[in-house]
Amino acid sequence: YSPADNFIIGGDVLFYRSIGRTDLPGGNYQQLINSIQERLFKLP
């Protein structure tokens, strides 16, 4: 995340109208939702 330029390189967490898949090894749906809501959604 760049606070100065107000962007985030988000990888496969949050997409346009979608979210990353969680059916691969190490994936966890609720954990992903929490990451988005508690961390990314705190951004402007």
ModelCIF file with pLDDT and N, C-alpha, C, O atoms, coordinates in Angstrom:
data_MODEL
#
_entry.id   MODEL 
#
_entity.id                         1 
_entity.type                       polymer 
_entity.pdbx_number_of_molecules   1 
#
_entity_poly.entity_id                      1 
_entity_poly.type                           'polypeptide(L)' 
_entity_poly.nstd_linkage                   no 
_entity_poly.nstd_monomer                   no 
_entity_poly.pdbx_seq_one_letter_code       YSPADNFIIGGDVLFYRSIGRTDLPGGNYQQLINSIQERLFKLP 
_entity_poly.pdbx_seq_one_letter_code_can   YSPADNFIIGGDVLFYRSIGRTDLPGGNYQQLINSIQERLFKLP 
_entity_poly.pdbx_strand_id                 A 
#
loop_
_entity_poly_seq.entity_id 
_entity_poly_seq.num 
_entity_poly_seq.mon_id 
_entity_poly_seq.hetero 
1 1  TYR n 
1 2  SER n 
1 3  PRO n 
1 4  ALA n 
1 5  ASP n 
1 6  ASN n 
1 7  PHE n 
1 8  ILE n 
1 9  ILE n 
1 10 GLY n 
1 11 GLY n 
1 12 ASP n 
1 13 VAL n 
1 14 LEU n 
1 15 PHE n 
1 16 TYR n 
1 17 ARG n 
1 18 SER n 
1 19 ILE n 
1 20 GLY n 
1 21 ARG n 
1 22 THR n 
1 23 ASP n 
1 24 LEU n 
1 25 PRO n 
1 26 GLY n 
1 27 GLY n 
1 28 ASN n 
1 29 TYR n 
1 30 GLN n 
1 31 GLN n 
1 32 LEU n 
1 33 ILE n 
1 34 ASN n 
1 35 SER n 
1 36 ILE n 
1 37 GLN n 
1 38 GLU n 
1 39 ARG n 
1 40 LEU n 
1 41 PHE n 
1 42 LYS n 
1 43 LEU n 
1 44 PRO n 
#
_struct_asym.id          A 
_struct_asym.entity_id   1 
#
loop_
_ma_qa_metric.id 
_ma_qa_metric.mode 
_ma_qa_metric.name 
_ma_qa_metric.software_group_id 
_ma_qa_metric.type 
1 global pLDDT . pLDDT 
2 local  pLDDT . pLDDT 
#
_ma_qa_metric_global.metric_id      1 
_ma_qa_metric_global.metric_value   97.00 
_ma_qa_metric_global.model_id       1 
_ma_qa_metric_global.ordinal_id     1 
#
loop_
_ma_qa_metric_local.label_asym_id 
_ma_qa_metric_local.label_comp_id 
_ma_qa_metric_local.label_seq_id 
_ma_qa_metric_local.metric_id 
_ma_qa_metric_local.metric_value 
_ma_qa_metric_local.model_id 
_ma_qa_metric_local.ordinal_id 
A TYR 1  2 98.00 1 1  
A SER 2  2 98.00 1 2  
A PRO 3  2 98.00 1 3  
A ALA 4  2 98.00 1 4  
A ASP 5  2 98.00 1 5  
A ASN 6  2 98.00 1 6  
A PHE 7  2 98.00 1 7  
A ILE 8  2 98.00 1 8  
A ILE 9  2 98.00 1 9  
A GLY 10 2 98.00 1 10 
A GLY 11 2 98.00 1 11 
A ASP 12 2 98.00 1 12 
A VAL 13 2 98.00 1 13 
A LEU 14 2 98.00 1 14 
A PHE 15 2 98.00 1 15 
A TYR 16 2 98.00 1 16 
A ARG 17 2 98.00 1 17 
A SER 18 2 98.00 1 18 
A ILE 19 2 98.00 1 19 
A GLY 20 2 98.00 1 20 
A ARG 21 2 97.00 1 21 
A THR 22 2 97.00 1 22 
A ASP 23 2 94.00 1 23 
A LEU 24 2 89.00 1 24 
A PRO 25 2 84.00 1 25 
A GLY 26 2 88.00 1 26 
A GLY 27 2 95.00 1 27 
A ASN 28 2 97.00 1 28 
A TYR 29 2 98.00 1 29 
A GLN 30 2 97.00 1 30 
A GLN 31 2 98.00 1 31 
A LEU 32 2 98.00 1 32 
A ILE 33 2 98.00 1 33 
A ASN 34 2 98.00 1 34 
A SER 35 2 98.00 1 35 
A ILE 36 2 98.00 1 36 
A GLN 37 2 98.00 1 37 
A GLU 38 2 98.00 1 38 
A ARG 39 2 98.00 1 39 
A LEU 40 2 98.00 1 40 
A PHE 41 2 98.00 1 41 
A LYS 42 2 98.00 1 42 
A LEU 43 2 98.00 1 43 
A PRO 44 2 98.00 1 44 
#
loop_
_atom_site.group_PDB 
_atom_site.id 
_atom_site.type_symbol 
_atom_site.label_atom_id 
_atom_site.label_alt_id 
_atom_site.label_comp_id 
_atom_site.label_asym_id 
_atom_site.label_entity_id 
_atom_site.label_seq_id 
_atom_site.pdbx_PDB_ins_code 
_atom_site.Cartn_x 
_atom_site.Cartn_y 
_atom_site.Cartn_z 
_atom_site.occupancy 
_atom_site.B_iso_or_equiv 
_atom_site.pdbx_formal_charge 
_atom_site.auth_seq_id 
_atom_site.auth_comp_id 
_atom_site.auth_asym_id 
_atom_site.auth_atom_id 
_atom_site.pdbx_PDB_model_num 
ATOM 1   N N  . TYR A 1 1  ? 0.832   -1.211  0.000  1.00 98.00 ? 1  TYR A N  1 
ATOM 2   C CA . TYR A 1 1  ? 0.000   0.000   0.000  1.00 98.00 ? 1  TYR A CA 1 
ATOM 3   C C  . TYR A 1 1  ? 0.864   1.258   0.000  1.00 98.00 ? 1  TYR A C  1 
ATOM 4   O O  . TYR A 1 1  ? 1.806   1.387   0.782  1.00 98.00 ? 1  TYR A O  1 
ATOM 5   N N  . SER A 1 2  ? 0.522   2.171   -0.887 1.00 98.00 ? 2  SER A N  1 
ATOM 6   C CA . SER A 1 2  ? 1.198   3.468   -0.943 1.00 98.00 ? 2  SER A CA 1 
ATOM 7   C C  . SER A 1 2  ? 0.282   4.547   -0.372 1.00 98.00 ? 2  SER A C  1 
ATOM 8   O O  . SER A 1 2  ? -0.653  4.967   -1.054 1.00 98.00 ? 2  SER A O  1 
ATOM 9   N N  . PRO A 1 3  ? 0.518   5.013   0.864  1.00 98.00 ? 3  PRO A N  1 
ATOM 10  C CA . PRO A 1 3  ? -0.295  6.105   1.400  1.00 98.00 ? 3  PRO A CA 1 
ATOM 11  C C  . PRO A 1 3  ? -0.131  7.397   0.593  1.00 98.00 ? 3  PRO A C  1 
ATOM 12  O O  . PRO A 1 3  ? -1.089  8.150   0.415  1.00 98.00 ? 3  PRO A O  1 
ATOM 13  N N  . ALA A 1 4  ? 1.081   7.643   0.112  1.00 98.00 ? 4  ALA A N  1 
ATOM 14  C CA . ALA A 1 4  ? 1.350   8.889   -0.609 1.00 98.00 ? 4  ALA A CA 1 
ATOM 15  C C  . ALA A 1 4  ? 0.587   8.962   -1.925 1.00 98.00 ? 4  ALA A C  1 
ATOM 16  O O  . ALA A 1 4  ? 0.092   10.026  -2.299 1.00 98.00 ? 4  ALA A O  1 
ATOM 17  N N  . ASP A 1 5  ? 0.489   7.839   -2.626 1.00 98.00 ? 5  ASP A N  1 
ATOM 18  C CA . ASP A 1 5  ? -0.163  7.831   -3.933 1.00 98.00 ? 5  ASP A CA 1 
ATOM 19  C C  . ASP A 1 5  ? -1.526  7.148   -3.909 1.00 98.00 ? 5  ASP A C  1 
ATOM 20  O O  . ASP A 1 5  ? -2.194  7.051   -4.938 1.00 98.00 ? 5  ASP A O  1 
ATOM 21  N N  . ASN A 1 6  ? -1.936  6.678   -2.739 1.00 98.00 ? 6  ASN A N  1 
ATOM 22  C CA . ASN A 1 6  ? -3.289  6.173   -2.512 1.00 98.00 ? 6  ASN A CA 1 
ATOM 23  C C  . ASN A 1 6  ? -3.672  5.026   -3.446 1.00 98.00 ? 6  ASN A C  1 
ATOM 24  O O  . ASN A 1 6  ? -4.691  5.071   -4.135 1.00 98.00 ? 6  ASN A O  1 
ATOM 25  N N  . PHE A 1 7  ? -2.819  3.994   -3.447 1.00 98.00 ? 7  PHE A N  1 
ATOM 26  C CA . PHE A 1 7  ? -3.156  2.777   -4.180 1.00 98.00 ? 7  PHE A CA 1 
ATOM 27  C C  . PHE A 1 7  ? -2.638  1.577   -3.409 1.00 98.00 ? 7  PHE A C  1 
ATOM 28  O O  . PHE A 1 7  ? -1.787  1.710   -2.529 1.00 98.00 ? 7  PHE A O  1 
ATOM 29  N N  . ILE A 1 8  ? -3.155  0.409   -3.747 1.00 98.00 ? 8  ILE A N  1 
ATOM 30  C CA . ILE A 1 8  ? -2.677  -0.829  -3.147 1.00 98.00 ? 8  ILE A CA 1 
ATOM 31  C C  . ILE A 1 8  ? -2.508  -1.877  -4.239 1.00 98.00 ? 8  ILE A C  1 
ATOM 32  O O  . ILE A 1 8  ? -3.376  -2.060  -5.092 1.00 98.00 ? 8  ILE A O  1 
ATOM 33  N N  . ILE A 1 9  ? -1.364  -2.562  -4.189 1.00 98.00 ? 9  ILE A N  1 
ATOM 34  C CA . ILE A 1 9  ? -1.163  -3.748  -5.029 1.00 98.00 ? 9  ILE A CA 1 
ATOM 35  C C  . ILE A 1 9  ? -1.725  -4.916  -4.219 1.00 98.00 ? 9  ILE A C  1 
ATOM 36  O O  . ILE A 1 9  ? -1.124  -5.356  -3.239 1.00 98.00 ? 9  ILE A O  1 
ATOM 37  N N  . GLY A 1 10 ? -2.886  -5.407  -4.647 1.00 98.00 ? 10 GLY A N  1 
ATOM 38  C CA . GLY A 1 10 ? -3.677  -6.273  -3.789 1.00 98.00 ? 10 GLY A CA 1 
ATOM 39  C C  . GLY A 1 10 ? -3.538  -7.756  -4.019 1.00 98.00 ? 10 GLY A C  1 
ATOM 40  O O  . GLY A 1 10 ? -4.141  -8.541  -3.288 1.00 98.00 ? 10 GLY A O  1 
ATOM 41  N N  . GLY A 1 11 ? -2.756  -8.178  -5.020 1.00 98.00 ? 11 GLY A N  1 
ATOM 42  C CA . GLY A 1 11 ? -2.667  -9.609  -5.272 1.00 98.00 ? 11 GLY A CA 1 
ATOM 43  C C  . GLY A 1 11 ? -4.038  -10.219 -5.511 1.00 98.00 ? 11 GLY A C  1 
ATOM 44  O O  . GLY A 1 11 ? -4.874  -9.639  -6.204 1.00 98.00 ? 11 GLY A O  1 
ATOM 45  N N  . ASP A 1 12 ? -4.261  -11.393 -4.934 1.00 98.00 ? 12 ASP A N  1 
ATOM 46  C CA . ASP A 1 12 ? -5.513  -12.107 -5.175 1.00 98.00 ? 12 ASP A CA 1 
ATOM 47  C C  . ASP A 1 12 ? -6.457  -12.044 -3.973 1.00 98.00 ? 12 ASP A C  1 
ATOM 48  O O  . ASP A 1 12 ? -7.141  -13.020 -3.663 1.00 98.00 ? 12 ASP A O  1 
ATOM 49  N N  . VAL A 1 13 ? -6.490  -10.907 -3.309 1.00 98.00 ? 13 VAL A N  1 
ATOM 50  C CA . VAL A 1 13 ? -7.390  -10.727 -2.165 1.00 98.00 ? 13 VAL A CA 1 
ATOM 51  C C  . VAL A 1 13 ? -8.729  -10.163 -2.622 1.00 98.00 ? 13 VAL A C  1 
ATOM 52  O O  . VAL A 1 13 ? -9.780  -10.761 -2.395 1.00 98.00 ? 13 VAL A O  1 
ATOM 53  N N  . LEU A 1 14 ? -8.675  -9.011  -3.265 1.00 98.00 ? 14 LEU A N  1 
ATOM 54  C CA . LEU A 1 14 ? -9.887  -8.292  -3.665 1.00 98.00 ? 14 LEU A CA 1 
ATOM 55  C C  . LEU A 1 14 ? -9.818  -7.966  -5.152 1.00 98.00 ? 14 LEU A C  1 
ATOM 56  O O  . LEU A 1 14 ? -8.836  -7.405  -5.638 1.00 98.00 ? 14 LEU A O  1 
ATOM 57  N N  . PHE A 1 15 ? -10.887 -8.333  -5.863 1.00 98.00 ? 15 PHE A N  1 
ATOM 58  C CA . PHE A 1 15 ? -10.984 -8.049  -7.292 1.00 98.00 ? 15 PHE A CA 1 
ATOM 59  C C  . PHE A 1 15 ? -12.170 -7.128  -7.569 1.00 98.00 ? 15 PHE A C  1 
ATOM 60  O O  . PHE A 1 15 ? -12.971 -6.833  -6.682 1.00 98.00 ? 15 PHE A O  1 
ATOM 61  N N  . TYR A 1 16 ? -12.261 -6.683  -8.816 1.00 98.00 ? 16 TYR A N  1 
ATOM 62  C CA . TYR A 1 16 ? -13.437 -5.943  -9.252 1.00 98.00 ? 16 TYR A CA 1 
ATOM 63  C C  . TYR A 1 16 ? -14.670 -6.838  -9.109 1.00 98.00 ? 16 TYR A C  1 
ATOM 64  O O  . TYR A 1 16 ? -14.845 -7.802  -9.853 1.00 98.00 ? 16 TYR A O  1 
ATOM 65  N N  . ARG A 1 17 ? -15.505 -6.501  -8.150 1.00 98.00 ? 17 ARG A N  1 
ATOM 66  C CA . ARG A 1 17 ? -16.768 -7.207  -7.874 1.00 98.00 ? 17 ARG A CA 1 
ATOM 67  C C  . ARG A 1 17 ? -16.561 -8.671  -7.506 1.00 98.00 ? 17 ARG A C  1 
ATOM 68  O O  . ARG A 1 17 ? -17.464 -9.488  -7.689 1.00 98.00 ? 17 ARG A O  1 
ATOM 69  N N  . SER A 1 18 ? -15.398 -9.008  -6.996 1.00 98.00 ? 18 SER A N  1 
ATOM 70  C CA . SER A 1 18 ? -15.161 -10.389 -6.615 1.00 98.00 ? 18 SER A CA 1 
ATOM 71  C C  . SER A 1 18 ? -14.066 -10.438 -5.555 1.00 98.00 ? 18 SER A C  1 
ATOM 72  O O  . SER A 1 18 ? -13.534 -9.407  -5.142 1.00 98.00 ? 18 SER A O  1 
ATOM 73  N N  . ILE A 1 19 ? -13.739 -11.658 -5.123 1.00 98.00 ? 19 ILE A N  1 
ATOM 74  C CA . ILE A 1 19 ? -12.678 -11.882 -4.145 1.00 98.00 ? 19 ILE A CA 1 
ATOM 75  C C  . ILE A 1 19 ? -11.848 -13.077 -4.601 1.00 98.00 ? 19 ILE A C  1 
ATOM 76  O O  . ILE A 1 19 ? -12.230 -13.800 -5.522 1.00 98.00 ? 19 ILE A O  1 
ATOM 77  N N  . GLY A 1 20 ? -10.713 -13.272 -3.948 1.00 98.00 ? 20 GLY A N  1 
ATOM 78  C CA . GLY A 1 20 ? -9.858  -14.390 -4.292 1.00 98.00 ? 20 GLY A CA 1 
ATOM 79  C C  . GLY A 1 20 ? -10.501 -15.727 -3.957 1.00 98.00 ? 20 GLY A C  1 
ATOM 80  O O  . GLY A 1 20 ? -11.303 -15.816 -3.028 1.00 98.00 ? 20 GLY A O  1 
ATOM 81  N N  . ARG A 1 21 ? -10.158 -16.751 -4.696 1.00 97.00 ? 21 ARG A N  1 
ATOM 82  C CA . ARG A 1 21 ? -10.684 -18.089 -4.420 1.00 97.00 ? 21 ARG A CA 1 
ATOM 83  C C  . ARG A 1 21 ? -10.043 -18.620 -3.137 1.00 97.00 ? 21 ARG A C  1 
ATOM 84  O O  . ARG A 1 21 ? -8.932  -18.232 -2.775 1.00 97.00 ? 21 ARG A O  1 
ATOM 85  N N  . THR A 1 22 ? -10.755 -19.505 -2.464 1.00 97.00 ? 22 THR A N  1 
ATOM 86  C CA . THR A 1 22 ? -10.246 -20.029 -1.192 1.00 97.00 ? 22 THR A CA 1 
ATOM 87  C C  . THR A 1 22 ? -10.250 -21.559 -1.161 1.00 97.00 ? 22 THR A C  1 
ATOM 88  O O  . THR A 1 22 ? -10.133 -22.161 -0.094 1.00 97.00 ? 22 THR A O  1 
ATOM 89  N N  . ASP A 1 23 ? -10.384 -22.182 -2.329 1.00 94.00 ? 23 ASP A N  1 
ATOM 90  C CA . ASP A 1 23 ? -10.450 -23.640 -2.386 1.00 94.00 ? 23 ASP A CA 1 
ATOM 91  C C  . ASP A 1 23 ? -9.095  -24.288 -2.652 1.00 94.00 ? 23 ASP A C  1 
ATOM 92  O O  . ASP A 1 23 ? -9.017  -25.507 -2.808 1.00 94.00 ? 23 ASP A O  1 
ATOM 93  N N  . LEU A 1 24 ? -8.033  -23.498 -2.707 1.00 89.00 ? 24 LEU A N  1 
ATOM 94  C CA . LEU A 1 24 ? -6.693  -24.043 -2.875 1.00 89.00 ? 24 LEU A CA 1 
ATOM 95  C C  . LEU A 1 24 ? -6.076  -24.320 -1.505 1.00 89.00 ? 24 LEU A C  1 
ATOM 96  O O  . LEU A 1 24 ? -6.519  -23.738 -0.515 1.00 89.00 ? 24 LEU A O  1 
ATOM 97  N N  . PRO A 1 25 ? -5.065  -25.192 -1.418 1.00 84.00 ? 25 PRO A N  1 
ATOM 98  C CA . PRO A 1 25 ? -4.430  -25.474 -0.129 1.00 84.00 ? 25 PRO A CA 1 
ATOM 99  C C  . PRO A 1 25 ? -3.971  -24.200 0.575  1.00 84.00 ? 25 PRO A C  1 
ATOM 100 O O  . PRO A 1 25 ? -3.313  -23.351 -0.026 1.00 84.00 ? 25 PRO A O  1 
ATOM 101 N N  . GLY A 1 26 ? -4.320  -24.077 1.839  1.00 88.00 ? 26 GLY A N  1 
ATOM 102 C CA . GLY A 1 26 ? -3.965  -22.884 2.600  1.00 88.00 ? 26 GLY A CA 1 
ATOM 103 C C  . GLY A 1 26 ? -4.999  -21.782 2.540  1.00 88.00 ? 26 GLY A C  1 
ATOM 104 O O  . GLY A 1 26 ? -4.859  -20.760 3.212  1.00 88.00 ? 26 GLY A O  1 
ATOM 105 N N  . GLY A 1 27 ? -6.049  -21.977 1.734  1.00 95.00 ? 27 GLY A N  1 
ATOM 106 C CA . GLY A 1 27 ? -7.103  -20.975 1.636  1.00 95.00 ? 27 GLY A CA 1 
ATOM 107 C C  . GLY A 1 27 ? -8.121  -21.116 2.756  1.00 95.00 ? 27 GLY A C  1 
ATOM 108 O O  . GLY A 1 27 ? -8.350  -22.208 3.275  1.00 95.00 ? 27 GLY A O  1 
ATOM 109 N N  . ASN A 1 28 ? -8.726  -19.997 3.117  1.00 97.00 ? 28 ASN A N  1 
ATOM 110 C CA . ASN A 1 28 ? -9.733  -19.993 4.178  1.00 97.00 ? 28 ASN A CA 1 
ATOM 111 C C  . ASN A 1 28 ? -10.703 -18.849 3.905  1.00 97.00 ? 28 ASN A C  1 
ATOM 112 O O  . ASN A 1 28 ? -10.327 -17.679 3.972  1.00 97.00 ? 28 ASN A O  1 
ATOM 113 N N  . TYR A 1 29 ? -11.942 -19.189 3.600  1.00 98.00 ? 29 TYR A N  1 
ATOM 114 C CA . TYR A 1 29 ? -12.915 -18.177 3.169  1.00 98.00 ? 29 TYR A CA 1 
ATOM 115 C C  . TYR A 1 29 ? -13.139 -17.109 4.237  1.00 98.00 ? 29 TYR A C  1 
ATOM 116 O O  . TYR A 1 29 ? -13.052 -15.916 3.946  1.00 98.00 ? 29 TYR A O  1 
ATOM 117 N N  . GLN A 1 30 ? -13.421 -17.521 5.451  1.00 97.00 ? 30 GLN A N  1 
ATOM 118 C CA . GLN A 1 30 ? -13.716 -16.525 6.490  1.00 97.00 ? 30 GLN A CA 1 
ATOM 119 C C  . GLN A 1 30 ? -12.509 -15.660 6.790  1.00 97.00 ? 30 GLN A C  1 
ATOM 120 O O  . GLN A 1 30 ? -12.642 -14.466 7.058  1.00 97.00 ? 30 GLN A O  1 
ATOM 121 N N  . GLN A 1 31 ? -11.342 -16.256 6.744  1.00 98.00 ? 31 GLN A N  1 
ATOM 122 C CA . GLN A 1 31 ? -10.115 -15.484 6.950  1.00 98.00 ? 31 GLN A CA 1 
ATOM 123 C C  . GLN A 1 31 ? -9.950  -14.425 5.861  1.00 98.00 ? 31 GLN A C  1 
ATOM 124 O O  . GLN A 1 31 ? -9.538  -13.299 6.139  1.00 98.00 ? 31 GLN A O  1 
ATOM 125 N N  . LEU A 1 32 ? -10.272 -14.791 4.626  1.00 98.00 ? 32 LEU A N  1 
ATOM 126 C CA . LEU A 1 32 ? -10.176 -13.827 3.527  1.00 98.00 ? 32 LEU A CA 1 
ATOM 127 C C  . LEU A 1 32 ? -11.159 -12.678 3.720  1.00 98.00 ? 32 LEU A C  1 
ATOM 128 O O  . LEU A 1 32 ? -10.790 -11.513 3.566  1.00 98.00 ? 32 LEU A O  1 
ATOM 129 N N  . ILE A 1 33 ? -12.393 -12.993 4.052  1.00 98.00 ? 33 ILE A N  1 
ATOM 130 C CA . ILE A 1 33 ? -13.390 -11.943 4.298  1.00 98.00 ? 33 ILE A CA 1 
ATOM 131 C C  . ILE A 1 33 ? -12.925 -11.020 5.423  1.00 98.00 ? 33 ILE A C  1 
ATOM 132 O O  . ILE A 1 33 ? -13.045 -9.799  5.319  1.00 98.00 ? 33 ILE A O  1 
ATOM 133 N N  . ASN A 1 34 ? -12.397 -11.603 6.493  1.00 98.00 ? 34 ASN A N  1 
ATOM 134 C CA . ASN A 1 34 ? -11.904 -10.788 7.605  1.00 98.00 ? 34 ASN A CA 1 
ATOM 135 C C  . ASN A 1 34 ? -10.748 -9.892  7.173  1.00 98.00 ? 34 ASN A C  1 
ATOM 136 O O  . ASN A 1 34 ? -10.675 -8.730  7.573  1.00 98.00 ? 34 ASN A O  1 
ATOM 137 N N  . SER A 1 35 ? -9.844  -10.431 6.356  1.00 98.00 ? 35 SER A N  1 
ATOM 138 C CA . SER A 1 35 ? -8.705  -9.631  5.883  1.00 98.00 ? 35 SER A CA 1 
ATOM 139 C C  . SER A 1 35 ? -9.190  -8.414  5.100  1.00 98.00 ? 35 SER A C  1 
ATOM 140 O O  . SER A 1 35 ? -8.677  -7.308  5.267  1.00 98.00 ? 35 SER A O  1 
ATOM 141 N N  . ILE A 1 36 ? -10.183 -8.633  4.248  1.00 98.00 ? 36 ILE A N  1 
ATOM 142 C CA . ILE A 1 36 ? -10.704 -7.526  3.442  1.00 98.00 ? 36 ILE A CA 1 
ATOM 143 C C  . ILE A 1 36 ? -11.402 -6.495  4.316  1.00 98.00 ? 36 ILE A C  1 
ATOM 144 O O  . ILE A 1 36 ? -11.136 -5.297  4.211  1.00 98.00 ? 36 ILE A O  1 
ATOM 145 N N  . GLN A 1 37 ? -12.291 -6.965  5.172  1.00 98.00 ? 37 GLN A N  1 
ATOM 146 C CA . GLN A 1 37 ? -13.100 -6.036  5.966  1.00 98.00 ? 37 GLN A CA 1 
ATOM 147 C C  . GLN A 1 37 ? -12.290 -5.328  7.042  1.00 98.00 ? 37 GLN A C  1 
ATOM 148 O O  . GLN A 1 37 ? -12.526 -4.153  7.326  1.00 98.00 ? 37 GLN A O  1 
ATOM 149 N N  . GLU A 1 38 ? -11.337 -6.034  7.641  1.00 98.00 ? 38 GLU A N  1 
ATOM 150 C CA . GLU A 1 38 ? -10.605 -5.460  8.776  1.00 98.00 ? 38 GLU A CA 1 
ATOM 151 C C  . GLU A 1 38 ? -9.338  -4.722  8.361  1.00 98.00 ? 38 GLU A C  1 
ATOM 152 O O  . GLU A 1 38 ? -8.811  -3.921  9.133  1.00 98.00 ? 38 GLU A O  1 
ATOM 153 N N  . ARG A 1 39 ? -8.841  -4.982  7.154  1.00 98.00 ? 39 ARG A N  1 
ATOM 154 C CA . ARG A 1 39 ? -7.594  -4.346  6.745  1.00 98.00 ? 39 ARG A CA 1 
ATOM 155 C C  . ARG A 1 39 ? -7.771  -3.489  5.490  1.00 98.00 ? 39 ARG A C  1 
ATOM 156 O O  . ARG A 1 39 ? -7.494  -2.290  5.517  1.00 98.00 ? 39 ARG A O  1 
ATOM 157 N N  . LEU A 1 40 ? -8.228  -4.093  4.393  1.00 98.00 ? 40 LEU A N  1 
ATOM 158 C CA . LEU A 1 40 ? -8.342  -3.305  3.166  1.00 98.00 ? 40 LEU A CA 1 
ATOM 159 C C  . LEU A 1 40 ? -9.446  -2.258  3.266  1.00 98.00 ? 40 LEU A C  1 
ATOM 160 O O  . LEU A 1 40 ? -9.285  -1.142  2.772  1.00 98.00 ? 40 LEU A O  1 
ATOM 161 N N  . PHE A 1 41 ? -10.557 -2.602  3.895  1.00 98.00 ? 41 PHE A N  1 
ATOM 162 C CA . PHE A 1 41 ? -11.665 -1.654  3.975  1.00 98.00 ? 41 PHE A CA 1 
ATOM 163 C C  . PHE A 1 41 ? -11.405 -0.527  4.969  1.00 98.00 ? 41 PHE A C  1 
ATOM 164 O O  . PHE A 1 41 ? -12.244 0.361   5.119  1.00 98.00 ? 41 PHE A O  1 
ATOM 165 N N  . LYS A 1 42 ? -10.265 -0.546  5.647  1.00 98.00 ? 42 LYS A N  1 
ATOM 166 C CA . LYS A 1 42 ? -9.852  0.584   6.481  1.00 98.00 ? 42 LYS A CA 1 
ATOM 167 C C  . LYS A 1 42 ? -9.164  1.668   5.659  1.00 98.00 ? 42 LYS A C  1 
ATOM 168 O O  . LYS A 1 42 ? -8.959  2.782   6.141  1.00 98.00 ? 42 LYS A O  1 
ATOM 169 N N  . LEU A 1 43 ? -8.809  1.342   4.429  1.00 98.00 ? 43 LEU A N  1 
ATOM 170 C CA . LEU A 1 43 ? -8.153  2.310   3.552  1.00 98.00 ? 43 LEU A CA 1 
ATOM 171 C C  . LEU A 1 43 ? -9.174  3.307   3.017  1.00 98.00 ? 43 LEU A C  1 
ATOM 172 O O  . LEU A 1 43 ? -10.376 3.044   3.075  1.00 98.00 ? 43 LEU A O  1 
ATOM 173 N N  . PRO A 1 44 ? -8.715  4.454   2.492  1.00 98.00 ? 44 PRO A N  1 
ATOM 174 C CA . PRO A 1 44 ? -9.658  5.453   1.962  1.00 98.00 ? 44 PRO A CA 1 
ATOM 175 C C  . PRO A 1 44 ? -10.526 4.878   0.845  1.00 98.00 ? 44 PRO A C  1 
ATOM 176 O O  . PRO A 1 44 ? -11.369 5.585   0.292  1.00 98.00 ? 44 PRO A O  1 
#
